[in-house]
């Protein structure tokens, strides 16, 4: 599981079409879209691992139950992180919408 660190170089979120046009960015310029996309991919990967572990457990092909527990905790943490980031983004959006110009 790879967790992307949040940096101070976060740029505004771009649309998908703009993102595809500007793929030659430097590595340090991570947009919110990139970070959120990596969080979603992380959740998908950990969920796939947990699903495979479940199948292996039912078939009796498991030698290390501790690793299954670790994978379950990784998946739960990944989902919690994604939900937290989503909630903070929605809160920030709502705060911006309440601002008077």
N, C-alpha and C. Protein backbone atom coordinates (compact mmCIF):
# COMPACT_ATOMS: atom_id res chain seq x y z
N UNK A 1 0.85 -1.17 0.00
CA UNK A 1 0.00 0.00 0.00
C UNK A 1 0.89 1.23 0.00
N UNK A 2 0.59 2.17 -0.85
CA UNK A 2 1.36 3.39 -0.94
C UNK A 2 0.48 4.56 -0.54
N UNK A 3 0.92 5.32 0.45
CA UNK A 3 0.18 6.49 0.91
C UNK A 3 0.92 7.72 0.40
N UNK A 4 0.20 8.56 -0.34
CA UNK A 4 0.81 9.76 -0.91
C UNK A 4 0.87 10.84 0.16
N UNK A 5 2.07 11.38 0.41
CA UNK A 5 2.16 12.44 1.42
C UNK A 5 1.56 13.74 0.90
N UNK A 6 0.90 14.47 1.79
CA UNK A 6 0.37 15.77 1.43
C UNK A 6 1.50 16.78 1.53
N UNK A 7 1.63 17.60 0.51
CA UNK A 7 2.69 18.60 0.50
C UNK A 7 2.07 19.99 0.42
N UNK A 8 2.90 20.99 0.56
CA UNK A 8 2.41 22.36 0.47
C UNK A 8 2.32 22.81 -0.98
N UNK A 9 2.65 21.97 -1.93
CA UNK A 9 2.63 22.31 -3.35
C UNK A 9 1.32 21.92 -4.01
N UNK A 10 0.25 21.85 -3.28
CA UNK A 10 -1.03 21.42 -3.84
C UNK A 10 -1.61 22.57 -4.65
N UNK A 11 -1.88 22.30 -5.91
CA UNK A 11 -2.45 23.30 -6.82
C UNK A 11 -3.96 23.08 -6.90
N UNK A 12 -4.70 24.04 -7.45
CA UNK A 12 -6.14 23.87 -7.58
C UNK A 12 -6.49 22.67 -8.45
N UNK A 13 -7.66 22.11 -8.19
CA UNK A 13 -8.12 20.93 -8.92
C UNK A 13 -8.41 21.29 -10.37
N UNK A 14 -7.95 20.48 -11.28
CA UNK A 14 -8.17 20.70 -12.70
C UNK A 14 -9.23 19.75 -13.22
N UNK A 15 -9.81 20.09 -14.33
CA UNK A 15 -10.74 19.15 -14.95
C UNK A 15 -9.93 18.03 -15.59
N UNK A 16 -10.59 16.95 -15.90
CA UNK A 16 -9.89 15.79 -16.44
C UNK A 16 -9.29 16.12 -17.81
N UNK A 17 -9.99 16.88 -18.63
CA UNK A 17 -9.46 17.21 -19.95
C UNK A 17 -8.23 18.09 -19.84
N UNK A 18 -8.23 19.03 -18.92
CA UNK A 18 -7.05 19.87 -18.73
C UNK A 18 -5.89 19.05 -18.18
N UNK A 19 -6.20 18.09 -17.33
CA UNK A 19 -5.15 17.26 -16.74
C UNK A 19 -4.44 16.45 -17.81
N UNK A 20 -5.18 15.91 -18.76
CA UNK A 20 -4.57 15.10 -19.81
C UNK A 20 -3.69 15.95 -20.72
N UNK A 21 -4.03 17.23 -20.87
CA UNK A 21 -3.24 18.11 -21.73
C UNK A 21 -1.94 18.53 -21.05
N UNK A 22 -1.92 18.54 -19.74
CA UNK A 22 -0.74 19.01 -19.02
C UNK A 22 -0.09 17.89 -18.22
N UNK A 23 0.19 16.79 -18.86
CA UNK A 23 0.77 15.65 -18.16
C UNK A 23 2.28 15.77 -18.01
N UNK A 24 2.90 16.82 -18.53
CA UNK A 24 4.33 16.98 -18.44
C UNK A 24 4.71 17.82 -17.23
N UNK A 25 3.95 17.74 -16.14
CA UNK A 25 4.25 18.49 -14.92
C UNK A 25 5.43 17.87 -14.20
N UNK A 26 6.04 18.68 -13.36
CA UNK A 26 7.12 18.15 -12.55
C UNK A 26 6.54 17.31 -11.42
N UNK A 27 7.37 16.52 -10.82
CA UNK A 27 6.91 15.57 -9.80
C UNK A 27 6.42 16.27 -8.54
N UNK A 28 6.95 17.44 -8.21
CA UNK A 28 6.59 18.13 -6.98
C UNK A 28 5.25 18.86 -7.04
N UNK A 29 4.68 19.04 -8.22
CA UNK A 29 3.43 19.78 -8.37
C UNK A 29 2.24 18.82 -8.38
N UNK A 30 1.82 18.38 -7.21
CA UNK A 30 0.69 17.47 -7.10
C UNK A 30 -0.59 18.29 -6.95
N UNK A 31 -1.56 18.02 -7.80
CA UNK A 31 -2.84 18.71 -7.69
C UNK A 31 -3.74 17.93 -6.74
N UNK A 32 -4.80 18.58 -6.31
CA UNK A 32 -5.76 17.90 -5.44
C UNK A 32 -6.35 16.70 -6.17
N UNK A 33 -6.60 16.86 -7.47
CA UNK A 33 -7.14 15.75 -8.26
C UNK A 33 -6.20 14.55 -8.23
N UNK A 34 -4.90 14.79 -8.37
CA UNK A 34 -3.92 13.70 -8.34
C UNK A 34 -3.93 12.98 -6.99
N UNK A 35 -3.97 13.76 -5.93
CA UNK A 35 -3.97 13.18 -4.59
C UNK A 35 -5.24 12.39 -4.35
N UNK A 36 -6.38 12.96 -4.72
CA UNK A 36 -7.66 12.27 -4.51
C UNK A 36 -7.73 11.01 -5.36
N UNK A 37 -7.23 11.10 -6.59
CA UNK A 37 -7.22 9.93 -7.47
C UNK A 37 -6.35 8.82 -6.89
N UNK A 38 -5.20 9.19 -6.32
CA UNK A 38 -4.33 8.17 -5.72
C UNK A 38 -4.97 7.56 -4.47
N UNK A 39 -5.74 8.37 -3.72
CA UNK A 39 -6.45 7.83 -2.56
C UNK A 39 -7.51 6.82 -3.00
N UNK A 40 -8.24 7.15 -4.06
CA UNK A 40 -9.26 6.22 -4.57
C UNK A 40 -8.61 4.95 -5.08
N UNK A 41 -7.51 5.07 -5.81
CA UNK A 41 -6.80 3.88 -6.30
C UNK A 41 -6.27 3.04 -5.14
N UNK A 42 -5.81 3.71 -4.09
CA UNK A 42 -5.32 3.00 -2.91
C UNK A 42 -6.45 2.19 -2.27
N UNK A 43 -7.64 2.77 -2.18
CA UNK A 43 -8.78 2.06 -1.61
C UNK A 43 -9.13 0.86 -2.49
N UNK A 44 -9.11 1.04 -3.81
CA UNK A 44 -9.41 -0.07 -4.72
C UNK A 44 -8.41 -1.21 -4.56
N UNK A 45 -7.12 -0.86 -4.46
CA UNK A 45 -6.08 -1.88 -4.34
C UNK A 45 -6.21 -2.65 -3.02
N UNK A 46 -6.41 -1.93 -1.93
CA UNK A 46 -6.51 -2.61 -0.64
C UNK A 46 -7.78 -3.45 -0.57
N UNK A 47 -8.85 -2.97 -1.18
CA UNK A 47 -10.09 -3.77 -1.20
C UNK A 47 -9.91 -5.04 -2.01
N UNK A 48 -9.21 -4.93 -3.13
CA UNK A 48 -8.95 -6.12 -3.94
C UNK A 48 -8.11 -7.13 -3.17
N UNK A 49 -7.14 -6.65 -2.40
CA UNK A 49 -6.31 -7.54 -1.59
C UNK A 49 -7.15 -8.23 -0.51
N UNK A 50 -8.04 -7.48 0.13
CA UNK A 50 -8.90 -8.05 1.17
C UNK A 50 -9.85 -9.09 0.56
N UNK A 51 -10.37 -8.80 -0.62
CA UNK A 51 -11.23 -9.77 -1.29
C UNK A 51 -10.47 -11.06 -1.60
N UNK A 52 -9.24 -10.92 -2.08
CA UNK A 52 -8.43 -12.10 -2.38
C UNK A 52 -8.10 -12.87 -1.10
N UNK A 53 -7.81 -12.13 -0.03
CA UNK A 53 -7.54 -12.79 1.25
C UNK A 53 -8.78 -13.55 1.75
N UNK A 54 -9.95 -12.97 1.54
CA UNK A 54 -11.19 -13.65 1.96
C UNK A 54 -11.38 -14.96 1.20
N UNK A 55 -11.12 -14.91 -0.10
CA UNK A 55 -11.24 -16.13 -0.91
C UNK A 55 -10.24 -17.17 -0.46
N UNK A 56 -8.99 -16.73 -0.24
CA UNK A 56 -7.96 -17.66 0.21
C UNK A 56 -8.30 -18.26 1.57
N UNK A 57 -8.87 -17.45 2.46
CA UNK A 57 -9.25 -17.93 3.78
C UNK A 57 -10.35 -18.99 3.68
N UNK A 58 -11.34 -18.73 2.82
CA UNK A 58 -12.43 -19.71 2.66
C UNK A 58 -11.95 -21.01 2.03
N UNK A 59 -10.96 -20.91 1.17
CA UNK A 59 -10.42 -22.11 0.52
C UNK A 59 -9.39 -22.83 1.38
N UNK A 60 -8.97 -22.20 2.46
CA UNK A 60 -7.99 -22.82 3.34
C UNK A 60 -6.56 -22.66 2.86
N UNK A 61 -6.31 -21.69 1.99
CA UNK A 61 -4.98 -21.46 1.44
C UNK A 61 -4.19 -20.40 2.20
N UNK A 62 -4.50 -20.22 3.48
CA UNK A 62 -3.86 -19.17 4.27
C UNK A 62 -2.88 -19.79 5.25
N UNK A 63 -1.67 -19.25 5.23
CA UNK A 63 -0.67 -19.69 6.19
C UNK A 63 -0.47 -18.68 7.31
N UNK A 64 -0.76 -17.41 7.03
CA UNK A 64 -0.47 -16.34 7.98
C UNK A 64 -1.73 -15.50 8.22
N UNK A 65 -2.43 -15.78 9.29
CA UNK A 65 -3.64 -15.02 9.62
C UNK A 65 -3.32 -13.59 10.03
N UNK A 66 -2.13 -13.38 10.56
CA UNK A 66 -1.75 -12.02 10.97
C UNK A 66 -1.67 -11.09 9.76
N UNK A 67 -1.20 -11.61 8.62
CA UNK A 67 -1.11 -10.79 7.41
C UNK A 67 -2.50 -10.41 6.91
N UNK A 68 -3.46 -11.29 7.07
CA UNK A 68 -4.83 -10.98 6.68
C UNK A 68 -5.37 -9.85 7.55
N UNK A 69 -5.09 -9.90 8.83
CA UNK A 69 -5.52 -8.83 9.74
C UNK A 69 -4.87 -7.51 9.38
N UNK A 70 -3.59 -7.56 9.04
CA UNK A 70 -2.87 -6.34 8.63
C UNK A 70 -3.51 -5.77 7.36
N UNK A 71 -3.82 -6.62 6.39
CA UNK A 71 -4.46 -6.16 5.15
C UNK A 71 -5.84 -5.57 5.42
N UNK A 72 -6.58 -6.15 6.35
CA UNK A 72 -7.89 -5.60 6.73
C UNK A 72 -7.75 -4.21 7.35
N UNK A 73 -6.76 -4.05 8.20
CA UNK A 73 -6.54 -2.74 8.83
C UNK A 73 -6.07 -1.71 7.82
N UNK A 74 -5.23 -2.14 6.86
CA UNK A 74 -4.80 -1.21 5.80
C UNK A 74 -6.01 -0.74 4.99
N UNK A 75 -6.90 -1.66 4.66
CA UNK A 75 -8.08 -1.30 3.89
C UNK A 75 -8.98 -0.36 4.67
N UNK A 76 -9.16 -0.63 5.95
CA UNK A 76 -10.01 0.23 6.78
C UNK A 76 -9.40 1.62 6.92
N UNK A 77 -8.08 1.68 7.08
CA UNK A 77 -7.40 2.97 7.19
C UNK A 77 -7.48 3.75 5.88
N UNK A 78 -7.33 3.06 4.76
CA UNK A 78 -7.41 3.72 3.46
C UNK A 78 -8.80 4.32 3.23
N UNK A 79 -9.84 3.57 3.61
CA UNK A 79 -11.20 4.08 3.47
C UNK A 79 -11.43 5.27 4.40
N UNK A 80 -10.96 5.16 5.64
CA UNK A 80 -11.10 6.28 6.59
C UNK A 80 -10.41 7.53 6.08
N UNK A 81 -9.21 7.38 5.53
CA UNK A 81 -8.48 8.52 5.01
C UNK A 81 -9.21 9.15 3.82
N UNK A 82 -9.71 8.32 2.91
CA UNK A 82 -10.45 8.83 1.76
C UNK A 82 -11.69 9.59 2.20
N UNK A 83 -12.44 9.04 3.13
CA UNK A 83 -13.65 9.70 3.62
C UNK A 83 -13.31 11.01 4.32
N UNK A 84 -12.25 11.02 5.10
CA UNK A 84 -11.84 12.23 5.80
C UNK A 84 -11.44 13.33 4.82
N UNK A 85 -10.65 12.99 3.82
CA UNK A 85 -10.24 13.97 2.82
C UNK A 85 -11.45 14.48 2.05
N UNK A 86 -12.36 13.59 1.70
CA UNK A 86 -13.58 14.00 0.98
C UNK A 86 -14.40 14.94 1.83
N UNK A 87 -14.58 14.62 3.10
CA UNK A 87 -15.36 15.48 4.00
C UNK A 87 -14.72 16.85 4.17
N UNK A 88 -13.40 16.88 4.30
CA UNK A 88 -12.70 18.16 4.44
C UNK A 88 -12.82 18.98 3.16
N UNK A 89 -12.75 18.34 2.00
CA UNK A 89 -12.90 19.06 0.74
C UNK A 89 -14.31 19.63 0.60
N UNK A 90 -15.31 18.86 0.98
CA UNK A 90 -16.70 19.34 0.93
C UNK A 90 -16.90 20.48 1.92
N UNK A 91 -16.33 20.37 3.11
CA UNK A 91 -16.43 21.45 4.10
C UNK A 91 -15.77 22.73 3.57
N UNK A 92 -14.60 22.58 2.94
CA UNK A 92 -13.92 23.76 2.39
C UNK A 92 -14.74 24.38 1.27
N UNK A 93 -15.31 23.55 0.43
CA UNK A 93 -16.17 24.06 -0.66
C UNK A 93 -17.37 24.81 -0.09
N UNK A 94 -18.01 24.23 0.91
CA UNK A 94 -19.17 24.90 1.52
C UNK A 94 -18.78 26.22 2.19
N UNK A 95 -17.61 26.25 2.80
CA UNK A 95 -17.13 27.48 3.42
C UNK A 95 -16.89 28.56 2.37
N UNK A 96 -16.31 28.17 1.26
CA UNK A 96 -16.06 29.13 0.17
C UNK A 96 -17.38 29.65 -0.39
N UNK A 97 -18.36 28.76 -0.50
CA UNK A 97 -19.66 29.18 -1.04
C UNK A 97 -20.38 30.13 -0.09
N UNK A 98 -20.10 30.06 1.21
CA UNK A 98 -20.74 30.96 2.18
C UNK A 98 -20.07 32.33 2.24
N UNK A 99 -18.89 32.46 1.65
CA UNK A 99 -18.17 33.74 1.69
C UNK A 99 -18.90 34.80 0.86
N UNK A 100 -18.88 36.01 1.36
CA UNK A 100 -19.45 37.11 0.59
C UNK A 100 -18.35 37.78 -0.20
N UNK A 101 -18.70 38.18 -1.39
CA UNK A 101 -17.69 38.79 -2.27
C UNK A 101 -17.77 40.29 -2.21
